[in-house]
């Protein structure tokens, strides 16, 4: 999934919403809640119809994109045993 301005626009980080945790823009839905459903193997269309009807599938894709971007910038420090 290539980076996209539209995906960026679908994620918001605001200090007054969930203590600054990333949420789907215009909602109070933390992306971690959506990602947990993805991790459990729930299909995107089921997430948007049964769990979060205010979302569309591109919102779910944006959550995955955001998580991927965060991992790309994360530094890992390996400590020898």
N, C-alpha and C. Protein backbone atom coordinates (compact mmCIF):
# COMPACT_ATOMS: atom_id res chain seq x y z
N UNK A 1 0.86 -1.18 0.00
CA UNK A 1 0.00 0.00 0.00
C UNK A 1 0.90 1.23 0.00
N UNK A 2 0.93 1.99 -1.07
CA UNK A 2 1.79 3.17 -1.12
C UNK A 2 1.28 4.28 -0.21
N UNK A 3 2.22 5.08 0.34
CA UNK A 3 1.78 6.21 1.16
C UNK A 3 0.84 7.10 0.35
N UNK A 4 -0.14 7.61 1.01
CA UNK A 4 -1.15 8.41 0.31
C UNK A 4 -1.60 9.55 1.21
N UNK A 5 -1.73 10.72 0.64
CA UNK A 5 -2.23 11.85 1.41
C UNK A 5 -3.60 11.52 1.97
N UNK A 6 -4.41 10.81 1.20
CA UNK A 6 -5.75 10.50 1.69
C UNK A 6 -5.69 9.60 2.93
N UNK A 7 -4.73 8.66 2.99
CA UNK A 7 -4.59 7.84 4.19
C UNK A 7 -4.13 8.70 5.36
N UNK A 8 -3.17 9.59 5.10
CA UNK A 8 -2.69 10.48 6.16
C UNK A 8 -3.84 11.31 6.72
N UNK A 9 -4.69 11.77 5.84
CA UNK A 9 -5.81 12.61 6.27
C UNK A 9 -6.85 11.85 7.07
N UNK A 10 -6.82 10.53 6.99
CA UNK A 10 -7.82 9.72 7.69
C UNK A 10 -7.42 9.41 9.14
N UNK A 11 -6.21 9.78 9.53
CA UNK A 11 -5.74 9.54 10.90
C UNK A 11 -5.47 10.88 11.57
N UNK A 12 -5.94 11.03 12.79
CA UNK A 12 -5.71 12.26 13.55
C UNK A 12 -5.09 11.92 14.90
N UNK A 13 -4.21 12.80 15.34
CA UNK A 13 -3.66 12.72 16.68
C UNK A 13 -3.96 14.06 17.34
N UNK A 14 -4.83 14.02 18.33
CA UNK A 14 -5.22 15.24 19.05
C UNK A 14 -5.09 15.00 20.54
N UNK A 15 -4.50 15.95 21.23
CA UNK A 15 -4.29 15.80 22.67
C UNK A 15 -5.59 15.70 23.45
N UNK A 16 -6.68 16.22 22.90
CA UNK A 16 -7.96 16.20 23.62
C UNK A 16 -8.82 14.98 23.28
N UNK A 17 -8.29 14.05 22.48
CA UNK A 17 -9.02 12.83 22.11
C UNK A 17 -8.15 11.63 22.47
N UNK A 18 -8.62 10.81 23.37
CA UNK A 18 -7.91 9.60 23.81
C UNK A 18 -6.46 9.88 24.18
N UNK A 19 -6.23 10.99 24.87
CA UNK A 19 -4.91 11.34 25.40
C UNK A 19 -3.84 11.38 24.31
N UNK A 20 -4.23 11.79 23.12
CA UNK A 20 -3.26 11.93 22.03
C UNK A 20 -2.96 10.66 21.27
N UNK A 21 -3.71 9.61 21.51
CA UNK A 21 -3.53 8.37 20.75
C UNK A 21 -4.12 8.56 19.35
N UNK A 22 -3.50 7.97 18.34
CA UNK A 22 -4.03 8.12 16.98
C UNK A 22 -5.43 7.53 16.85
N UNK A 23 -6.32 8.29 16.23
CA UNK A 23 -7.71 7.86 16.01
C UNK A 23 -8.07 8.08 14.54
N UNK A 24 -9.12 7.40 14.12
CA UNK A 24 -9.64 7.64 12.79
C UNK A 24 -10.20 9.07 12.78
N UNK A 25 -9.81 9.86 11.80
CA UNK A 25 -10.21 11.27 11.74
C UNK A 25 -11.71 11.44 11.83
N UNK A 26 -12.11 12.42 12.63
CA UNK A 26 -13.52 12.73 12.78
C UNK A 26 -14.27 11.80 13.71
N UNK A 27 -13.52 10.88 14.36
CA UNK A 27 -14.15 9.95 15.29
C UNK A 27 -13.33 9.91 16.58
N UNK A 28 -13.80 9.14 17.52
CA UNK A 28 -13.05 8.89 18.74
C UNK A 28 -12.61 7.42 18.75
N UNK A 29 -12.48 6.84 17.57
CA UNK A 29 -12.11 5.42 17.44
C UNK A 29 -10.59 5.31 17.33
N UNK A 30 -9.94 4.77 18.37
CA UNK A 30 -8.49 4.61 18.30
C UNK A 30 -8.11 3.59 17.22
N UNK A 31 -7.02 3.87 16.52
CA UNK A 31 -6.62 2.93 15.47
C UNK A 31 -6.24 1.58 16.07
N UNK A 32 -5.82 1.56 17.32
CA UNK A 32 -5.48 0.27 17.94
C UNK A 32 -6.69 -0.65 18.02
N UNK A 33 -7.87 -0.09 18.24
CA UNK A 33 -9.08 -0.91 18.29
C UNK A 33 -9.35 -1.55 16.93
N UNK A 34 -9.14 -0.77 15.89
CA UNK A 34 -9.36 -1.28 14.53
C UNK A 34 -8.29 -2.33 14.20
N UNK A 35 -7.04 -2.04 14.57
CA UNK A 35 -5.95 -2.96 14.26
C UNK A 35 -6.09 -4.29 14.99
N UNK A 36 -6.65 -4.28 16.18
CA UNK A 36 -6.87 -5.53 16.90
C UNK A 36 -7.85 -6.42 16.13
N UNK A 37 -8.86 -5.82 15.53
CA UNK A 37 -9.80 -6.59 14.72
C UNK A 37 -9.11 -7.15 13.47
N UNK A 38 -8.26 -6.34 12.85
CA UNK A 38 -7.51 -6.80 11.69
C UNK A 38 -6.62 -7.98 12.10
N UNK A 39 -5.96 -7.83 13.24
CA UNK A 39 -5.08 -8.89 13.74
C UNK A 39 -5.84 -10.19 13.98
N UNK A 40 -7.08 -10.09 14.42
CA UNK A 40 -7.91 -11.27 14.67
C UNK A 40 -8.43 -11.88 13.37
N UNK A 41 -8.15 -11.22 12.24
CA UNK A 41 -8.56 -11.76 10.95
C UNK A 41 -9.95 -11.36 10.52
N UNK A 42 -10.52 -10.36 11.18
CA UNK A 42 -11.85 -9.89 10.79
C UNK A 42 -11.73 -9.16 9.45
N UNK A 43 -12.50 -9.55 8.45
CA UNK A 43 -12.43 -8.88 7.15
C UNK A 43 -12.79 -7.39 7.26
N UNK A 44 -12.17 -6.59 6.41
CA UNK A 44 -12.39 -5.14 6.45
C UNK A 44 -13.86 -4.80 6.32
N UNK A 45 -14.57 -5.48 5.42
CA UNK A 45 -15.98 -5.15 5.24
C UNK A 45 -16.80 -5.48 6.48
N UNK A 46 -16.41 -6.49 7.21
CA UNK A 46 -17.11 -6.82 8.46
C UNK A 46 -16.80 -5.79 9.55
N UNK A 47 -15.57 -5.30 9.57
CA UNK A 47 -15.21 -4.25 10.54
C UNK A 47 -16.10 -3.03 10.33
N UNK A 48 -16.32 -2.68 9.07
CA UNK A 48 -17.09 -1.46 8.77
C UNK A 48 -18.60 -1.66 8.86
N UNK A 49 -19.06 -2.88 8.80
CA UNK A 49 -20.51 -3.09 8.88
C UNK A 49 -20.97 -3.51 10.27
N UNK A 50 -20.19 -4.37 10.93
CA UNK A 50 -20.62 -4.90 12.22
C UNK A 50 -20.01 -4.21 13.43
N UNK A 51 -18.79 -3.73 13.31
CA UNK A 51 -18.11 -3.15 14.47
C UNK A 51 -18.14 -1.62 14.46
N UNK A 52 -17.80 -1.04 13.32
CA UNK A 52 -17.70 0.42 13.21
C UNK A 52 -18.41 0.89 11.95
N UNK A 53 -19.73 0.97 11.97
CA UNK A 53 -20.46 1.37 10.76
C UNK A 53 -20.19 2.81 10.30
N UNK A 54 -19.58 3.62 11.17
CA UNK A 54 -19.22 4.98 10.77
C UNK A 54 -17.95 5.01 9.92
N UNK A 55 -17.25 3.88 9.83
CA UNK A 55 -16.02 3.82 9.05
C UNK A 55 -16.28 3.22 7.68
N UNK A 56 -15.37 3.51 6.76
CA UNK A 56 -15.36 2.86 5.45
C UNK A 56 -14.06 2.05 5.37
N UNK A 57 -13.99 1.17 4.39
CA UNK A 57 -12.82 0.30 4.30
C UNK A 57 -11.51 1.07 4.14
N UNK A 58 -11.53 2.22 3.50
CA UNK A 58 -10.31 3.03 3.39
C UNK A 58 -9.84 3.52 4.76
N UNK A 59 -10.75 3.70 5.71
CA UNK A 59 -10.34 4.05 7.08
C UNK A 59 -9.55 2.91 7.70
N UNK A 60 -10.01 1.69 7.48
CA UNK A 60 -9.30 0.51 8.01
C UNK A 60 -7.93 0.41 7.35
N UNK A 61 -7.88 0.59 6.05
CA UNK A 61 -6.60 0.57 5.33
C UNK A 61 -5.66 1.66 5.87
N UNK A 62 -6.22 2.81 6.19
CA UNK A 62 -5.41 3.91 6.73
C UNK A 62 -4.81 3.53 8.07
N UNK A 63 -5.55 2.79 8.89
CA UNK A 63 -5.02 2.33 10.18
C UNK A 63 -3.83 1.41 9.97
N UNK A 64 -3.95 0.49 9.02
CA UNK A 64 -2.85 -0.43 8.70
C UNK A 64 -1.66 0.36 8.16
N UNK A 65 -1.93 1.30 7.27
CA UNK A 65 -0.87 2.14 6.71
C UNK A 65 -0.14 2.89 7.82
N UNK A 66 -0.89 3.50 8.74
CA UNK A 66 -0.29 4.27 9.82
C UNK A 66 0.61 3.39 10.68
N UNK A 67 0.13 2.21 11.04
CA UNK A 67 0.93 1.30 11.87
C UNK A 67 2.21 0.90 11.14
N UNK A 68 2.10 0.64 9.86
CA UNK A 68 3.28 0.28 9.06
C UNK A 68 4.28 1.43 9.03
N UNK A 69 3.81 2.64 8.85
CA UNK A 69 4.70 3.80 8.83
C UNK A 69 5.40 3.99 10.18
N UNK A 70 4.70 3.74 11.27
CA UNK A 70 5.31 3.88 12.59
C UNK A 70 6.41 2.85 12.81
N UNK A 71 6.18 1.63 12.34
CA UNK A 71 7.18 0.58 12.48
C UNK A 71 8.41 0.90 11.64
N UNK A 72 8.22 1.47 10.48
CA UNK A 72 9.35 1.82 9.60
C UNK A 72 10.30 2.80 10.28
N UNK A 73 9.78 3.67 11.11
CA UNK A 73 10.62 4.70 11.73
C UNK A 73 11.12 4.29 13.11
N UNK A 74 10.68 3.13 13.58
CA UNK A 74 11.08 2.68 14.91
C UNK A 74 12.52 2.18 14.90
N UNK A 75 13.27 2.54 15.93
CA UNK A 75 14.63 2.04 16.07
C UNK A 75 14.62 0.82 16.97
N UNK A 76 15.38 -0.18 16.57
CA UNK A 76 15.49 -1.39 17.37
C UNK A 76 16.92 -1.50 17.87
N UNK A 77 17.06 -1.75 19.15
CA UNK A 77 18.38 -1.91 19.76
C UNK A 77 18.50 -3.33 20.28
N UNK A 78 19.42 -4.08 19.69
CA UNK A 78 19.61 -5.47 20.10
C UNK A 78 20.68 -5.50 21.17
N UNK A 79 20.35 -6.14 22.27
CA UNK A 79 21.29 -6.25 23.39
C UNK A 79 21.78 -7.69 23.43
N UNK A 80 23.08 -7.86 23.46
CA UNK A 80 23.65 -9.21 23.51
C UNK A 80 23.32 -9.85 24.86
N UNK A 81 23.05 -11.17 24.83
CA UNK A 81 22.72 -11.86 26.11
C UNK A 81 23.92 -11.97 27.02
